[in-house]
């Protein structure tokens, strides 16, 4: 099976000929690798340091629904029929895929099946599902700084799930924990206070 970066570039740059792409097409592209594949693809727009308005909330909702199904032990995806027809601009999707390809290839270069129990057993998948569900909620919040780090956590954790690489998924779970802490701080102390603290640390105040 071709690498994810290769498949995404082939599909969105060579096969799609319409000006828009539907969520159903993305789901179909996932094939049998549904959960890991979709966590990676749906988190990608918010995980990248490029503007991707309009993606965090709808994709966060879909990721949350996927995570609940992972927690429930489902192996086959269920999605409300009406969601399948949600359309996204192809040019915007191509920009996201192009920007995300180098990051995907870095992970692909080191990914291999290891610590597979993290990704294949019910306890492991339940922990992953809970972490991703919480990060999906954070992605949906209309507050700065609550989208990117949680999305990166989902992206990395999902990639490990895709390749049965428990080591990568564990790294992603650490990122999810960091994202959860950041979101909690923002909800507790406010965006401006947390941003000021981050700027202070970056300036060498500590």
Protein backbone atom coordinates (compact mmCIF):
# COMPACT_ATOMS: atom_id res chain seq x y z
CA UNK A 1 0.00 0.00 0.00
CA UNK A 2 1.32 3.43 -0.96
CA UNK A 3 2.45 5.87 1.69
CA UNK A 4 -0.16 8.34 2.91
CA UNK A 5 1.73 11.34 1.53
CA UNK A 6 1.86 9.70 -1.90
CA UNK A 7 -1.83 8.79 -1.85
CA UNK A 8 -2.98 12.25 -0.81
CA UNK A 9 -0.91 13.96 -3.51
CA UNK A 10 -2.03 11.51 -6.17
CA UNK A 11 -5.69 11.82 -5.27
CA UNK A 12 -6.05 15.56 -4.72
CA UNK A 13 -3.65 16.68 -7.47
CA UNK A 14 -4.25 14.05 -10.15
CA UNK A 15 -7.61 12.33 -9.71
CA UNK A 16 -10.03 14.99 -8.43
CA UNK A 17 -11.31 17.10 -11.32
CA UNK A 18 -14.14 19.00 -9.61
CA UNK A 19 -13.64 22.43 -7.95
CA UNK A 20 -14.79 21.02 -4.62
CA UNK A 21 -14.26 17.79 -2.69
CA UNK A 22 -16.79 16.25 -0.32
CA UNK A 23 -16.26 14.70 3.09
CA UNK A 24 -17.61 11.45 1.62
CA UNK A 25 -14.76 11.38 -0.90
CA UNK A 26 -12.23 11.81 1.91
CA UNK A 27 -13.90 9.00 3.88
CA UNK A 28 -13.84 6.75 0.82
CA UNK A 29 -10.15 7.45 0.32
CA UNK A 30 -9.49 6.12 3.83
CA UNK A 31 -10.56 2.60 2.84
CA UNK A 32 -9.95 0.04 5.60
CA UNK A 33 -7.57 2.31 7.51
CA UNK A 34 -10.47 4.51 8.59
CA UNK A 35 -9.61 5.78 12.07
CA UNK A 36 -5.87 6.48 11.87
CA UNK A 37 -6.13 7.80 8.32
CA UNK A 38 -8.98 10.18 9.12
CA UNK A 39 -7.45 11.46 12.36
CA UNK A 40 -4.35 12.43 10.36
CA UNK A 41 -6.19 13.98 7.41
CA UNK A 42 -8.82 15.85 9.43
CA UNK A 43 -6.33 17.23 11.97
CA UNK A 44 -3.86 18.34 9.32
CA UNK A 45 -5.44 21.74 8.42
CA UNK A 46 -5.43 22.90 12.05
CA UNK A 47 -2.02 21.39 12.83
CA UNK A 48 -0.21 23.37 10.15
CA UNK A 49 1.15 26.90 10.71
CA UNK A 50 -0.92 28.22 7.82
CA UNK A 51 -4.35 29.91 7.84
CA UNK A 52 -7.12 27.31 7.45
CA UNK A 53 -10.34 29.13 8.43
CA UNK A 54 -13.50 27.08 8.58
CA UNK A 55 -11.85 23.71 9.20
CA UNK A 56 -11.27 23.46 12.95
CA UNK A 57 -14.91 23.31 14.05
CA UNK A 58 -16.43 20.96 11.42
CA UNK A 59 -13.39 18.68 11.36
CA UNK A 60 -13.23 18.80 15.17
CA UNK A 61 -16.83 17.56 15.31
CA UNK A 62 -16.06 14.70 12.91
CA UNK A 63 -12.89 13.78 14.84
CA UNK A 64 -14.88 13.77 18.08
CA UNK A 65 -17.46 11.41 16.58
CA UNK A 66 -14.68 9.14 15.28
CA UNK A 67 -13.00 9.11 18.70
CA UNK A 68 -16.23 8.05 20.41
CA UNK A 69 -16.52 5.14 17.99
CA UNK A 70 -12.91 4.17 18.68
CA UNK A 71 -13.65 4.19 22.42
CA UNK A 72 -16.71 2.02 21.81
CA UNK A 73 -14.55 -0.55 20.05
CA UNK A 74 -16.06 -0.10 16.60
CA UNK A 75 -14.01 -1.20 13.60
CA UNK A 76 -16.38 0.18 10.96
CA UNK A 77 -17.10 3.87 10.66
CA UNK A 78 -20.56 5.40 11.03
CA UNK A 79 -21.21 8.96 9.92
CA UNK A 80 -24.50 10.92 9.67
CA UNK A 81 -25.52 10.90 6.01
CA UNK A 82 -25.94 14.66 5.86
CA UNK A 83 -22.32 15.21 6.85
CA UNK A 84 -21.05 13.23 3.88
CA UNK A 85 -22.12 15.99 1.51
CA UNK A 86 -20.14 18.78 3.19
CA UNK A 87 -18.04 20.41 0.47
CA UNK A 88 -14.53 21.87 0.68
CA UNK A 89 -12.70 23.98 -1.87
CA UNK A 90 -10.23 21.79 -3.79
CA UNK A 91 -7.60 24.54 -4.10
CA UNK A 92 -7.61 25.05 -0.33
CA UNK A 93 -7.32 21.29 0.25
CA UNK A 94 -4.41 21.11 -2.20
CA UNK A 95 -2.60 23.90 -0.32
CA UNK A 96 -3.05 22.00 2.95
CA UNK A 97 -1.82 18.72 1.44
CA UNK A 98 1.20 20.47 -0.11
CA UNK A 99 2.11 22.15 3.18
CA UNK A 100 1.58 18.96 5.18
CA UNK A 101 3.47 16.57 2.88
CA UNK A 102 6.97 17.32 4.31
CA UNK A 103 5.70 16.60 7.86
CA UNK A 104 4.01 13.40 6.74
CA UNK A 105 7.19 12.22 5.04
CA UNK A 106 9.25 12.87 8.17
CA UNK A 107 6.93 10.60 10.14
CA UNK A 108 6.82 8.01 7.36
CA UNK A 109 10.63 7.83 7.40
CA UNK A 110 10.71 6.64 11.02
CA UNK A 111 7.37 4.82 11.27
CA UNK A 112 7.19 1.03 11.60
CA UNK A 113 5.08 -1.46 13.58
CA UNK A 114 6.33 -1.43 17.20
CA UNK A 115 4.67 -1.45 20.61
CA UNK A 116 1.65 -2.50 18.57
CA UNK A 117 -0.47 -3.24 21.67
CA UNK A 118 -0.86 0.54 22.10
CA UNK A 119 -2.70 0.73 18.78
CA UNK A 120 -4.35 -2.68 18.48
CA UNK A 121 -5.69 -3.61 21.94
CA UNK A 122 -8.97 -2.32 23.33
CA UNK A 123 -7.34 -0.58 26.35
CA UNK A 124 -4.79 1.13 24.12
CA UNK A 125 -7.37 2.26 21.57
CA UNK A 126 -9.66 3.43 24.38
CA UNK A 127 -6.94 5.67 25.83
CA UNK A 128 -6.17 7.01 22.37
CA UNK A 129 -9.87 7.63 21.73
CA UNK A 130 -10.36 9.52 25.00
CA UNK A 131 -7.30 11.72 24.37
CA UNK A 132 -8.37 12.49 20.81
CA UNK A 133 -11.95 13.23 21.88
CA UNK A 134 -10.71 15.80 24.41
CA UNK A 135 -8.40 17.38 21.83
CA UNK A 136 -11.28 17.51 19.32
CA UNK A 137 -13.32 19.50 21.84
CA UNK A 138 -10.38 21.89 22.19
CA UNK A 139 -10.18 22.23 18.40
CA UNK A 140 -13.81 23.33 18.32
CA UNK A 141 -13.30 26.17 20.80
CA UNK A 142 -13.32 29.61 19.10
CA UNK A 143 -10.33 30.72 21.20
CA UNK A 144 -6.78 31.37 19.91
CA UNK A 145 -4.10 28.82 20.91
CA UNK A 146 -6.66 26.07 21.61
CA UNK A 147 -6.57 24.61 18.08
CA UNK A 148 -3.02 24.06 16.84
CA UNK A 149 -1.32 22.04 19.60
CA UNK A 150 -4.35 19.74 20.16
CA UNK A 151 -4.55 19.20 16.39
CA UNK A 152 -0.83 18.32 16.28
CA UNK A 153 -1.45 15.81 19.08
CA UNK A 154 -4.30 14.22 17.10
CA UNK A 155 -2.20 14.23 13.92
CA UNK A 156 0.77 12.42 15.50
CA UNK A 157 -1.35 10.00 17.55
CA UNK A 158 -3.45 9.17 14.50
CA UNK A 159 -0.36 8.56 12.40
CA UNK A 160 0.88 6.01 14.90
CA UNK A 161 -2.54 4.36 14.84
CA UNK A 162 -2.42 4.27 11.05
CA UNK A 163 0.88 2.34 10.99
CA UNK A 164 0.43 0.41 14.28
CA UNK A 165 3.41 2.36 15.61
CA UNK A 166 2.78 2.57 19.35
CA UNK A 167 5.91 4.65 19.91
CA UNK A 168 4.63 7.43 17.65
CA UNK A 169 1.16 7.22 19.19
CA UNK A 170 2.66 7.55 22.67
CA UNK A 171 4.53 10.64 21.49
CA UNK A 172 1.24 11.97 20.17
CA UNK A 173 -0.44 11.33 23.52
CA UNK A 174 2.25 13.44 25.20
CA UNK A 175 1.42 16.24 22.76
CA UNK A 176 -2.29 15.77 23.56
CA UNK A 177 -1.47 16.14 27.27
CA UNK A 178 0.44 19.34 26.54
CA UNK A 179 -2.48 20.58 24.44
CA UNK A 180 -4.90 19.80 27.24
CA UNK A 181 -2.78 21.68 29.76
CA UNK A 182 -2.55 24.70 27.45
CA UNK A 183 -6.30 24.75 26.83
CA UNK A 184 -7.01 24.40 30.55
CA UNK A 185 -4.70 27.33 31.33
CA UNK A 186 -6.41 29.49 28.70
CA UNK A 187 -9.89 28.63 30.00
CA UNK A 188 -8.75 29.30 33.57
CA UNK A 189 -6.64 32.44 33.21
CA UNK A 190 -7.69 33.79 29.81
CA UNK A 191 -5.96 33.97 26.43
CA UNK A 192 -4.13 37.24 27.03
CA UNK A 193 -2.60 36.07 30.32
CA UNK A 194 -1.38 32.78 28.83
CA UNK A 195 -0.06 34.50 25.70
CA UNK A 196 1.83 37.00 27.87
CA UNK A 197 3.35 34.10 29.83
CA UNK A 198 4.43 32.34 26.62
CA UNK A 199 5.94 35.56 25.26
CA UNK A 200 7.78 36.07 28.56
CA UNK A 201 9.30 32.58 28.40
CA UNK A 202 10.26 33.03 24.74
CA UNK A 203 12.02 36.31 25.52
CA UNK A 204 14.25 34.52 28.00
CA UNK A 205 12.49 35.74 31.11
CA UNK A 206 13.01 32.35 32.73
